[in-house]
Amino acid sequence: MLSARIRRTSRAAFLLPLILFFACSTFVYEPAPVVPTTLPLPYSATFRLAELEAYNVEPGATMVADPRIENKVRGVRQPLSKAKKEWERSIADYVAARKTFTYLSADSQTDLDLSMRLNIYVDPSVNSEFARVYVARIDATLAEGASKRPLSKYLGFGKAAGEDDDRGPVNLAVQAALNDLFGKIENDVRLRRPGLL
């Protein structure tokens, strides 16, 4: 009787992380309300999410002065790439609401081509009141739409802390990274020079 209960308990202990893993691996970024920019660019743009991944990093990695958190990766956290199209759609909703560009497209000919790589790093924090620290890093390349000649590269960072639920802190970190990224794009004086394209 006792051995059957132990088997059921150990099976449940094994299955619960798997169930939680697969339930969380498909969640998608949900943009919070976005305030349109006061510095829109006079260009249309095509947006593409080229890469999406979440990684576990060494405990306390977000507290270290080294800005290259990718050097502290211990393994892939979740296969977010399975939900890449949904993430791309929700980030496009953010970009459209922000109104950085006059027109945003997924497939038509535009003035600019914006490609992003989004990496999320999860730090099982040490000596902190929170269970985890989440860092979102977006590497973006802005290129000419027709020739695909790169014009500029940008980095956006966002950080949030949370307990045991990934969804809320990840949304906060990604939103902060997008705000940082598009603030840099909108304030780039090179994009406002006559004859850029």
N, C-alpha and C. Protein backbone atom coordinates (compact mmCIF):
# COMPACT_ATOMS: atom_id res chain seq x y z
N MET A 1 0.82 -1.19 0.00
CA MET A 1 0.00 0.00 0.00
C MET A 1 0.87 1.26 0.00
N LEU A 2 1.86 1.26 0.89
CA LEU A 2 2.75 2.41 0.99
C LEU A 2 3.57 2.58 -0.29
N SER A 3 4.05 1.45 -0.87
CA SER A 3 4.85 1.54 -2.10
C SER A 3 4.01 2.06 -3.27
N ALA A 4 2.73 1.70 -3.33
CA ALA A 4 1.84 2.22 -4.39
C ALA A 4 1.66 3.72 -4.24
N ARG A 5 1.51 4.20 -3.02
CA ARG A 5 1.36 5.63 -2.77
C ARG A 5 2.64 6.38 -3.15
N ILE A 6 3.79 5.77 -2.83
CA ILE A 6 5.07 6.40 -3.19
C ILE A 6 5.21 6.47 -4.70
N ARG A 7 4.82 5.37 -5.41
CA ARG A 7 4.89 5.39 -6.87
C ARG A 7 4.00 6.48 -7.47
N ARG A 8 2.76 6.59 -6.92
CA ARG A 8 1.85 7.65 -7.41
C ARG A 8 2.43 9.03 -7.14
N THR A 9 2.99 9.23 -5.96
CA THR A 9 3.57 10.52 -5.59
C THR A 9 4.76 10.85 -6.48
N SER A 10 5.64 9.86 -6.68
CA SER A 10 6.82 10.13 -7.52
C SER A 10 6.41 10.36 -8.98
N ARG A 11 5.38 9.66 -9.48
CA ARG A 11 4.89 9.87 -10.84
C ARG A 11 4.31 11.29 -10.97
N ALA A 12 3.55 11.71 -9.95
CA ALA A 12 2.98 13.07 -9.97
C ALA A 12 4.09 14.11 -9.89
N ALA A 13 5.12 13.84 -9.08
CA ALA A 13 6.24 14.77 -8.97
C ALA A 13 6.99 14.89 -10.30
N PHE A 14 7.01 13.79 -11.07
CA PHE A 14 7.66 13.81 -12.38
C PHE A 14 6.78 14.50 -13.42
N LEU A 15 5.48 14.21 -13.41
CA LEU A 15 4.58 14.74 -14.43
C LEU A 15 4.27 16.22 -14.27
N LEU A 16 4.20 16.72 -13.04
CA LEU A 16 3.84 18.13 -12.83
C LEU A 16 4.79 19.08 -13.55
N PRO A 17 6.13 18.92 -13.40
CA PRO A 17 7.00 19.82 -14.16
C PRO A 17 6.81 19.72 -15.67
N LEU A 18 6.56 18.49 -16.18
CA LEU A 18 6.33 18.33 -17.61
C LEU A 18 5.06 19.05 -18.06
N ILE A 19 3.99 18.91 -17.28
CA ILE A 19 2.73 19.59 -17.61
C ILE A 19 2.94 21.10 -17.59
N LEU A 20 3.60 21.60 -16.55
CA LEU A 20 3.85 23.04 -16.46
C LEU A 20 4.74 23.51 -17.60
N PHE A 21 5.75 22.69 -17.96
CA PHE A 21 6.66 23.05 -19.04
C PHE A 21 5.91 23.23 -20.35
N PHE A 22 5.07 22.24 -20.70
CA PHE A 22 4.35 22.33 -21.97
C PHE A 22 3.26 23.39 -21.94
N ALA A 23 2.67 23.64 -20.78
CA ALA A 23 1.66 24.69 -20.68
C ALA A 23 2.28 26.06 -20.86
N CYS A 24 3.49 26.24 -20.31
CA CYS A 24 4.13 27.55 -20.37
C CYS A 24 4.89 27.77 -21.68
N SER A 25 5.24 26.68 -22.37
CA SER A 25 6.09 26.83 -23.55
C SER A 25 5.36 27.49 -24.72
N THR A 26 4.06 27.60 -24.65
CA THR A 26 3.33 28.20 -25.76
C THR A 26 2.76 29.58 -25.43
N PHE A 27 3.09 30.14 -24.27
CA PHE A 27 2.51 31.44 -23.98
C PHE A 27 3.14 32.50 -24.88
N VAL A 28 2.40 33.55 -25.14
CA VAL A 28 2.80 34.57 -26.09
C VAL A 28 2.80 35.93 -25.40
N TYR A 29 3.73 36.78 -25.82
CA TYR A 29 3.80 38.15 -25.31
C TYR A 29 2.48 38.86 -25.58
N GLU A 30 1.98 39.54 -24.55
CA GLU A 30 0.74 40.32 -24.67
C GLU A 30 1.08 41.78 -24.41
N PRO A 31 1.11 42.61 -25.46
CA PRO A 31 1.50 44.01 -25.26
C PRO A 31 0.54 44.75 -24.35
N ALA A 32 1.11 45.51 -23.44
CA ALA A 32 0.31 46.41 -22.60
C ALA A 32 -0.09 47.60 -23.48
N PRO A 33 -1.03 48.42 -23.01
CA PRO A 33 -1.39 49.61 -23.81
C PRO A 33 -0.15 50.43 -24.15
N VAL A 34 -0.08 50.87 -25.40
CA VAL A 34 1.09 51.58 -25.91
C VAL A 34 0.70 53.02 -26.22
N VAL A 35 1.54 53.94 -25.78
CA VAL A 35 1.34 55.35 -26.10
C VAL A 35 2.04 55.62 -27.43
N PRO A 36 1.34 56.12 -28.44
CA PRO A 36 1.99 56.40 -29.72
C PRO A 36 3.14 57.40 -29.56
N THR A 37 4.16 57.21 -30.38
CA THR A 37 5.33 58.08 -30.29
C THR A 37 5.01 59.51 -30.72
N THR A 38 5.80 60.43 -30.22
CA THR A 38 5.69 61.82 -30.67
C THR A 38 6.74 62.09 -31.75
N LEU A 39 7.56 61.07 -32.07
CA LEU A 39 8.62 61.22 -33.07
C LEU A 39 8.49 60.14 -34.17
N PRO A 40 7.37 60.10 -34.90
CA PRO A 40 7.23 59.07 -35.94
C PRO A 40 8.24 59.28 -37.07
N LEU A 41 8.62 58.19 -37.70
CA LEU A 41 9.53 58.26 -38.85
C LEU A 41 8.71 58.29 -40.14
N PRO A 42 9.19 59.01 -41.16
CA PRO A 42 8.41 59.13 -42.41
C PRO A 42 8.64 57.96 -43.37
N TYR A 43 8.64 56.75 -42.84
CA TYR A 43 8.91 55.57 -43.67
C TYR A 43 7.91 54.46 -43.35
N SER A 44 7.68 53.62 -44.35
CA SER A 44 6.93 52.38 -44.12
C SER A 44 7.96 51.30 -43.79
N ALA A 45 7.52 50.24 -43.11
CA ALA A 45 8.46 49.20 -42.71
C ALA A 45 7.82 47.82 -42.76
N THR A 46 8.65 46.83 -43.05
CA THR A 46 8.28 45.42 -42.94
C THR A 46 8.93 44.92 -41.67
N PHE A 47 8.19 44.18 -40.87
CA PHE A 47 8.72 43.67 -39.60
C PHE A 47 8.82 42.15 -39.65
N ARG A 48 9.94 41.62 -39.10
CA ARG A 48 10.14 40.17 -39.05
C ARG A 48 10.86 39.81 -37.76
N LEU A 49 10.35 38.81 -37.06
CA LEU A 49 11.02 38.27 -35.89
C LEU A 49 11.86 37.08 -36.36
N ALA A 50 13.17 37.29 -36.46
CA ALA A 50 14.06 36.27 -37.02
C ALA A 50 14.38 35.16 -36.04
N GLU A 51 14.44 35.49 -34.75
CA GLU A 51 14.81 34.50 -33.75
C GLU A 51 14.10 34.79 -32.44
N LEU A 52 13.74 33.74 -31.73
CA LEU A 52 13.08 33.85 -30.43
C LEU A 52 13.51 32.67 -29.57
N GLU A 53 14.07 32.95 -28.39
CA GLU A 53 14.48 31.86 -27.52
C GLU A 53 14.52 32.34 -26.07
N ALA A 54 14.36 31.40 -25.15
CA ALA A 54 14.47 31.69 -23.71
C ALA A 54 15.54 30.78 -23.13
N TYR A 55 16.40 31.36 -22.29
CA TYR A 55 17.53 30.64 -21.72
C TYR A 55 17.55 30.76 -20.20
N ASN A 56 18.04 29.71 -19.54
CA ASN A 56 18.38 29.79 -18.13
C ASN A 56 19.82 30.27 -18.03
N VAL A 57 20.09 31.14 -17.06
CA VAL A 57 21.46 31.60 -16.85
C VAL A 57 21.91 31.23 -15.44
N GLU A 58 23.19 31.43 -15.18
CA GLU A 58 23.74 31.12 -13.86
C GLU A 58 23.04 31.96 -12.80
N PRO A 59 22.79 31.38 -11.62
CA PRO A 59 22.15 32.15 -10.54
C PRO A 59 22.96 33.41 -10.22
N GLY A 60 22.28 34.55 -10.20
CA GLY A 60 22.93 35.83 -9.90
C GLY A 60 23.56 36.50 -11.10
N ALA A 61 23.42 35.94 -12.31
CA ALA A 61 24.07 36.50 -13.50
C ALA A 61 23.59 37.92 -13.80
N THR A 62 22.34 38.24 -13.47
CA THR A 62 21.82 39.58 -13.76
C THR A 62 22.34 40.62 -12.78
N MET A 63 23.02 40.19 -11.73
CA MET A 63 23.56 41.13 -10.75
C MET A 63 25.02 41.49 -11.05
N VAL A 64 25.63 40.79 -12.01
CA VAL A 64 27.04 40.99 -12.33
C VAL A 64 27.17 42.16 -13.30
N ALA A 65 28.28 42.86 -13.22
CA ALA A 65 28.48 44.05 -14.06
C ALA A 65 28.65 43.72 -15.53
N ASP A 66 29.05 42.48 -15.87
CA ASP A 66 29.26 42.08 -17.27
C ASP A 66 27.94 42.19 -18.02
N PRO A 67 27.85 43.07 -19.03
CA PRO A 67 26.58 43.25 -19.75
C PRO A 67 26.27 42.10 -20.71
N ARG A 68 27.22 41.22 -20.96
CA ARG A 68 27.01 40.13 -21.92
C ARG A 68 26.45 38.90 -21.20
N ILE A 69 25.17 38.99 -20.90
CA ILE A 69 24.52 37.91 -20.15
C ILE A 69 24.52 36.60 -20.92
N GLU A 70 24.64 36.67 -22.24
CA GLU A 70 24.65 35.43 -23.03
C GLU A 70 25.85 34.54 -22.68
N ASN A 71 26.89 35.12 -22.07
CA ASN A 71 28.05 34.33 -21.63
C ASN A 71 27.74 33.50 -20.39
N LYS A 72 26.61 33.74 -19.74
CA LYS A 72 26.26 33.04 -18.51
C LYS A 72 25.16 31.99 -18.72
N VAL A 73 24.85 31.68 -19.97
CA VAL A 73 23.77 30.73 -20.27
C VAL A 73 24.13 29.33 -19.80
N ARG A 74 23.16 28.66 -19.15
CA ARG A 74 23.33 27.28 -18.71
C ARG A 74 22.52 26.31 -19.56
N GLY A 75 21.53 26.80 -20.29
CA GLY A 75 20.73 25.93 -21.14
C GLY A 75 19.48 26.62 -21.63
N VAL A 76 18.82 26.01 -22.61
CA VAL A 76 17.57 26.55 -23.14
C VAL A 76 16.47 26.29 -22.13
N ARG A 77 15.68 27.33 -21.84
CA ARG A 77 14.61 27.20 -20.84
C ARG A 77 13.36 26.59 -21.44
N GLN A 78 12.88 27.21 -22.52
CA GLN A 78 11.63 26.76 -23.15
C GLN A 78 11.75 26.91 -24.65
N PRO A 79 11.14 26.02 -25.41
CA PRO A 79 11.18 26.15 -26.87
C PRO A 79 10.16 27.17 -27.35
N LEU A 80 10.41 28.44 -27.09
CA LEU A 80 9.47 29.49 -27.50
C LEU A 80 9.37 29.60 -29.01
N SER A 81 10.37 29.09 -29.71
CA SER A 81 10.36 29.18 -31.17
C SER A 81 9.14 28.49 -31.78
N LYS A 82 8.52 27.56 -31.04
CA LYS A 82 7.31 26.91 -31.54
C LYS A 82 6.16 27.91 -31.69
N ALA A 83 6.19 28.96 -30.88
CA ALA A 83 5.14 29.97 -30.92
C ALA A 83 5.64 31.26 -31.58
N LYS A 84 6.68 31.15 -32.42
CA LYS A 84 7.31 32.35 -32.99
C LYS A 84 6.34 33.21 -33.80
N LYS A 85 5.48 32.58 -34.60
CA LYS A 85 4.53 33.36 -35.42
C LYS A 85 3.59 34.17 -34.54
N GLU A 86 3.13 33.58 -33.43
CA GLU A 86 2.24 34.30 -32.51
C GLU A 86 2.97 35.45 -31.84
N TRP A 87 4.24 35.22 -31.45
CA TRP A 87 5.04 36.30 -30.86
C TRP A 87 5.26 37.41 -31.88
N GLU A 88 5.55 37.02 -33.12
CA GLU A 88 5.76 38.01 -34.18
C GLU A 88 4.51 38.87 -34.36
N ARG A 89 3.35 38.22 -34.33
CA ARG A 89 2.09 38.96 -34.49
C ARG A 89 1.87 39.93 -33.32
N SER A 90 2.12 39.48 -32.10
CA SER A 90 1.87 40.35 -30.94
C SER A 90 2.88 41.50 -30.88
N ILE A 91 4.13 41.25 -31.30
CA ILE A 91 5.11 42.35 -31.34
C ILE A 91 4.74 43.32 -32.45
N ALA A 92 4.25 42.81 -33.58
CA ALA A 92 3.78 43.69 -34.66
C ALA A 92 2.62 44.57 -34.17
N ASP A 93 1.76 44.03 -33.31
CA ASP A 93 0.67 44.83 -32.72
C ASP A 93 1.25 45.97 -31.90
N TYR A 94 2.31 45.69 -31.13
CA TYR A 94 2.98 46.74 -30.35
C TYR A 94 3.52 47.82 -31.29
N VAL A 95 4.25 47.39 -32.35
CA VAL A 95 4.88 48.35 -33.27
C VAL A 95 3.81 49.19 -33.97
N ALA A 96 2.71 48.56 -34.38
CA ALA A 96 1.63 49.30 -35.04
C ALA A 96 1.00 50.31 -34.10
N ALA A 97 0.79 49.92 -32.84
CA ALA A 97 0.19 50.84 -31.87
C ALA A 97 1.13 51.99 -31.53
N ARG A 98 2.43 51.73 -31.56
CA ARG A 98 3.41 52.77 -31.23
C ARG A 98 3.49 53.82 -32.34
N LYS A 99 3.19 53.41 -33.59
CA LYS A 99 3.17 54.31 -34.75
C LYS A 99 4.53 54.92 -35.06
N THR A 100 5.58 54.11 -34.90
CA THR A 100 6.93 54.57 -35.25
C THR A 100 7.04 54.80 -36.74
N PHE A 101 6.38 53.95 -37.53
CA PHE A 101 6.45 54.03 -38.99
C PHE A 101 5.08 54.43 -39.54
N THR A 102 5.08 55.03 -40.74
CA THR A 102 3.82 55.47 -41.34
C THR A 102 2.93 54.29 -41.68
N TYR A 103 3.56 53.15 -41.99
CA TYR A 103 2.82 51.96 -42.38
C TYR A 103 3.66 50.75 -42.00
N LEU A 104 3.02 49.72 -41.46
CA LEU A 104 3.72 48.50 -41.08
C LEU A 104 3.13 47.35 -41.86
N SER A 105 4.00 46.53 -42.48
CA SER A 105 3.54 45.43 -43.30
C SER A 105 4.28 44.15 -42.94
N ALA A 106 3.67 43.04 -43.22
CA ALA A 106 4.33 41.75 -43.01
C ALA A 106 4.87 41.18 -44.31
N ASP A 107 4.33 41.67 -45.45
CA ASP A 107 4.73 41.02 -46.70
C ASP A 107 4.84 41.94 -47.91
N SER A 108 4.41 43.19 -47.84
CA SER A 108 4.47 44.04 -49.03
C SER A 108 5.77 44.84 -49.09
N GLN A 109 6.02 45.46 -50.22
CA GLN A 109 7.23 46.26 -50.42
C GLN A 109 7.14 47.53 -49.57
N THR A 110 8.18 47.79 -48.80
CA THR A 110 8.20 48.97 -47.92
C THR A 110 9.55 49.67 -48.03
N ASP A 111 9.64 50.86 -47.40
CA ASP A 111 10.90 51.62 -47.40
C ASP A 111 11.98 50.92 -46.59
N LEU A 112 11.60 50.39 -45.42
CA LEU A 112 12.56 49.79 -44.50
C LEU A 112 12.18 48.36 -44.15
N ASP A 113 13.20 47.61 -43.76
CA ASP A 113 13.01 46.23 -43.32
C ASP A 113 13.57 46.15 -41.90
N LEU A 114 12.72 45.78 -40.93
CA LEU A 114 13.13 45.68 -39.53
C LEU A 114 13.14 44.22 -39.13
N SER A 115 14.32 43.71 -38.77
CA SER A 115 14.47 42.33 -38.36
C SER A 115 14.94 42.30 -36.90
N MET A 116 14.31 41.44 -36.09
CA MET A 116 14.64 41.38 -34.66
C MET A 116 15.00 39.97 -34.22
N ARG A 117 15.92 39.90 -33.27
CA ARG A 117 16.21 38.67 -32.54
C ARG A 117 15.90 38.95 -31.07
N LEU A 118 14.99 38.18 -30.51
CA LEU A 118 14.57 38.37 -29.12
C LEU A 118 15.03 37.19 -28.29
N ASN A 119 15.84 37.48 -27.28
CA ASN A 119 16.30 36.45 -26.35
C ASN A 119 15.87 36.85 -24.94
N ILE A 120 15.32 35.89 -24.23
CA ILE A 120 14.89 36.09 -22.85
C ILE A 120 15.78 35.25 -21.95
N TYR A 121 16.34 35.88 -20.92
CA TYR A 121 17.23 35.19 -20.00
C TYR A 121 16.57 35.14 -18.63
N VAL A 122 16.52 33.94 -18.04
CA VAL A 122 15.87 33.74 -16.75
C VAL A 122 16.94 33.39 -15.72
N ASP A 123 17.03 34.24 -14.71
CA ASP A 123 18.03 34.10 -13.66
C ASP A 123 17.35 33.63 -12.38
N PRO A 124 17.66 32.40 -11.90
CA PRO A 124 17.11 31.98 -10.61
C PRO A 124 17.88 32.71 -9.51
N SER A 125 17.51 33.93 -9.30
CA SER A 125 18.26 34.89 -8.48
C SER A 125 18.69 34.33 -7.13
N VAL A 126 19.83 34.81 -6.67
CA VAL A 126 20.31 34.47 -5.33
C VAL A 126 20.30 35.73 -4.48
N ASN A 127 20.08 35.58 -3.20
CA ASN A 127 20.04 36.71 -2.26
C ASN A 127 19.09 37.81 -2.72
N SER A 128 17.92 37.40 -3.17
CA SER A 128 16.93 38.36 -3.65
C SER A 128 15.57 37.99 -3.08
N GLU A 129 14.70 38.98 -2.96
CA GLU A 129 13.35 38.70 -2.47
C GLU A 129 12.49 38.04 -3.54
N PHE A 130 12.95 38.03 -4.79
CA PHE A 130 12.20 37.41 -5.89
C PHE A 130 12.81 36.07 -6.25
N ALA A 131 11.99 35.18 -6.75
CA ALA A 131 12.46 33.86 -7.14
C ALA A 131 13.28 33.91 -8.43
N ARG A 132 12.92 34.80 -9.35
CA ARG A 132 13.62 34.88 -10.64
C ARG A 132 13.73 36.33 -11.11
N VAL A 133 14.76 36.56 -11.93
CA VAL A 133 14.92 37.83 -12.62
C VAL A 133 14.91 37.52 -14.11
N TYR A 134 14.15 38.29 -14.88
CA TYR A 134 13.98 38.07 -16.32
C TYR A 134 14.59 39.24 -17.07
N VAL A 135 15.43 38.93 -18.05
CA VAL A 135 16.03 39.97 -18.89
C VAL A 135 15.64 39.67 -20.33
N ALA A 136 15.12 40.68 -21.02
CA ALA A 136 14.81 40.56 -22.45
C ALA A 136 15.82 41.40 -23.21
N ARG A 137 16.41 40.81 -24.22
CA ARG A 137 17.36 41.51 -25.07
C ARG A 137 16.89 41.39 -26.51
N ILE A 138 16.76 42.53 -27.18
CA ILE A 138 16.35 42.54 -28.58
C ILE A 138 17.48 43.14 -29.41
N ASP A 139 17.98 42.36 -30.35
CA ASP A 139 18.95 42.84 -31.33
C ASP A 139 18.17 43.11 -32.61
N ALA A 140 18.21 44.34 -33.08
CA ALA A 140 17.42 44.71 -34.26
C ALA A 140 18.32 45.28 -35.35
N THR A 141 17.98 44.96 -36.58
CA THR A 141 18.67 45.51 -37.74
C THR A 141 17.64 46.21 -38.61
N LEU A 142 17.93 47.44 -38.94
CA LEU A 142 17.08 48.22 -39.84
C LEU A 142 17.81 48.31 -41.18
N ALA A 143 17.14 47.87 -42.23
CA ALA A 143 17.76 47.84 -43.57
C ALA A 143 16.83 48.51 -44.57
N GLU A 144 17.41 48.86 -45.73
CA GLU A 144 16.59 49.38 -46.83
C GLU A 144 15.65 48.28 -47.28
N GLY A 145 14.42 48.65 -47.60
CA GLY A 145 13.43 47.66 -47.98
C GLY A 145 13.74 46.95 -49.28
N ALA A 146 14.18 47.69 -50.29
CA ALA A 146 14.40 47.10 -51.61
C ALA A 146 15.71 46.31 -51.69
N SER A 147 16.81 46.93 -51.28
CA SER A 147 18.12 46.30 -51.43
C SER A 147 18.55 45.48 -50.22
N LYS A 148 17.86 45.65 -49.11
CA LYS A 148 18.20 44.97 -47.85
C LYS A 148 19.57 45.41 -47.32
N ARG A 149 20.06 46.57 -47.79
CA ARG A 149 21.33 47.09 -47.29
C ARG A 149 21.13 47.56 -45.86
N PRO A 150 21.93 47.03 -44.89
CA PRO A 150 21.76 47.43 -43.49
C PRO A 150 22.05 48.93 -43.30
N LEU A 151 21.16 49.59 -42.57
CA LEU A 151 21.35 51.00 -42.25
C LEU A 151 21.87 51.19 -40.83
N SER A 152 21.27 50.49 -39.88
CA SER A 152 21.64 50.64 -38.47
C SER A 152 21.30 49.38 -37.69
N LYS A 153 22.02 49.20 -36.58
CA LYS A 153 21.73 48.12 -35.63
C LYS A 153 21.42 48.75 -34.29
N TYR A 154 20.49 48.14 -33.57
CA TYR A 154 20.05 48.66 -32.27
C TYR A 154 19.92 47.53 -31.26
N LEU A 155 20.06 47.87 -30.00
CA LEU A 155 19.84 46.93 -28.90
C LEU A 155 18.79 47.50 -27.97
N GLY A 156 17.87 46.64 -27.54
CA GLY A 156 16.88 47.03 -26.54
C GLY A 156 16.95 46.08 -25.36
N PHE A 157 16.94 46.62 -24.14
CA PHE A 157 17.00 45.79 -22.94
C PHE A 157 15.80 46.07 -22.04
N GLY A 158 15.34 45.03 -21.39
CA GLY A 158 14.28 45.16 -20.39
C GLY A 158 14.51 44.14 -19.30
N LYS A 159 14.08 44.48 -18.08
CA LYS A 159 14.32 43.61 -16.94
C LYS A 159 13.11 43.64 -16.02
N ALA A 160 12.76 42.49 -15.46
CA ALA A 160 11.64 42.40 -14.51
C ALA A 160 11.93 41.25 -13.55
N ALA A 161 11.38 41.35 -12.37
CA ALA A 161 11.53 40.30 -11.36
C ALA A 161 10.18 39.68 -11.09
N GLY A 162 10.18 38.42 -10.67
CA GLY A 162 8.92 37.76 -10.40
C GLY A 162 9.09 36.52 -9.57
N GLU A 163 7.97 35.93 -9.22
CA GLU A 163 7.97 34.73 -8.39
C GLU A 163 8.01 33.49 -9.27
N ASP A 164 6.96 32.70 -9.25
CA ASP A 164 6.99 31.43 -9.95
C ASP A 164 6.26 31.43 -11.29
N ASP A 165 5.63 32.54 -11.67
CA ASP A 165 4.89 32.59 -12.93
C ASP A 165 5.71 33.37 -13.95
N ASP A 166 6.06 32.72 -15.07
CA ASP A 166 6.88 33.38 -16.09
C ASP A 166 6.13 34.46 -16.86
N ARG A 167 4.86 34.27 -17.10
CA ARG A 167 4.11 35.10 -18.04
C ARG A 167 4.16 36.61 -17.71
N GLY A 168 3.82 36.98 -16.50
CA GLY A 168 3.79 38.40 -16.14
C GLY A 168 5.14 39.08 -16.24
N PRO A 169 6.19 38.54 -15.58
CA PRO A 169 7.50 39.17 -15.67
C PRO A 169 8.09 39.18 -17.07
N VAL A 170 7.84 38.12 -17.85
CA VAL A 170 8.34 38.10 -19.23
C VAL A 170 7.68 39.21 -20.03
N ASN A 171 6.37 39.38 -19.89
CA ASN A 171 5.68 40.47 -20.58
C ASN A 171 6.27 41.83 -20.21
N LEU A 172 6.52 42.04 -18.92
CA LEU A 172 7.10 43.32 -18.46
C LEU A 172 8.49 43.53 -19.05
N ALA A 173 9.32 42.48 -19.02
CA ALA A 173 10.69 42.61 -19.54
C ALA A 173 10.68 42.87 -21.04
N VAL A 174 9.84 42.15 -21.79
CA VAL A 174 9.77 42.34 -23.24
C VAL A 174 9.24 43.73 -23.57
N GLN A 175 8.21 44.17 -22.85
CA GLN A 175 7.66 45.51 -23.10
C GLN A 175 8.74 46.58 -22.84
N ALA A 176 9.50 46.43 -21.76
CA ALA A 176 10.57 47.39 -21.45
C ALA A 176 11.64 47.36 -22.54
N ALA A 177 11.98 46.18 -23.04
CA ALA A 177 12.98 46.07 -24.10
C ALA A 177 12.48 46.72 -25.39
N LEU A 178 11.21 46.52 -25.73
CA LEU A 178 10.63 47.15 -26.91
C LEU A 178 10.60 48.67 -26.76
N ASN A 179 10.22 49.15 -25.59
CA ASN A 179 10.22 50.60 -25.34
C ASN A 179 11.62 51.18 -25.52
N ASP A 180 12.62 50.48 -24.96
CA ASP A 180 14.01 50.93 -25.07
C ASP A 180 14.45 50.93 -26.53
N LEU A 181 14.17 49.85 -27.24
CA LEU A 181 14.57 49.71 -28.63
C LEU A 181 13.95 50.79 -29.51
N PHE A 182 12.63 50.95 -29.43
CA PHE A 182 11.97 51.91 -30.32
C PHE A 182 12.24 53.35 -29.92
N GLY A 183 12.55 53.60 -28.65
CA GLY A 183 13.01 54.93 -28.25
C GLY A 183 14.31 55.27 -28.96
N LYS A 184 15.23 54.30 -29.06
CA LYS A 184 16.51 54.52 -29.75
C LYS A 184 16.30 54.72 -31.25
N ILE A 185 15.43 53.92 -31.85
CA ILE A 185 15.17 54.06 -33.29
C ILE A 185 14.56 55.42 -33.60
N GLU A 186 13.56 55.82 -32.82
CA GLU A 186 12.87 57.09 -33.07
C GLU A 186 13.76 58.30 -32.84
N ASN A 187 14.74 58.17 -31.96
CA ASN A 187 15.64 59.30 -31.65
C ASN A 187 16.93 59.27 -32.46
N ASP A 188 17.06 58.34 -33.39
CA ASP A 188 18.25 58.25 -34.22
C ASP A 188 18.19 59.33 -35.30
N VAL A 189 19.03 60.35 -35.16
CA VAL A 189 19.00 61.49 -36.10
C VAL A 189 19.40 61.07 -37.51
N ARG A 190 20.16 59.97 -37.65
CA ARG A 190 20.54 59.51 -38.99
C ARG A 190 19.33 59.14 -39.83
N LEU A 191 18.25 58.68 -39.16
CA LEU A 191 17.05 58.27 -39.90
C LEU A 191 16.22 59.46 -40.34
N ARG A 192 16.58 60.64 -39.92
CA ARG A 192 15.83 61.84 -40.30
C ARG A 192 16.57 62.70 -41.32
N ARG A 193 17.75 62.24 -41.75
CA ARG A 193 18.50 63.00 -42.75
C ARG A 193 17.84 62.88 -44.11
N PRO A 194 17.78 63.97 -44.88
CA PRO A 194 17.23 63.89 -46.25
C PRO A 194 18.08 62.95 -47.10
N GLY A 195 17.44 62.22 -47.98
CA GLY A 195 18.15 61.34 -48.90
C GLY A 195 18.66 60.06 -48.27
N LEU A 196 18.08 59.65 -47.16
CA LEU A 196 18.51 58.42 -46.52
C LEU A 196 18.32 57.21 -47.42
N LEU A 197 17.19 57.17 -48.12
CA LEU A 197 16.89 56.02 -48.99
C LEU A 197 17.06 56.39 -50.46
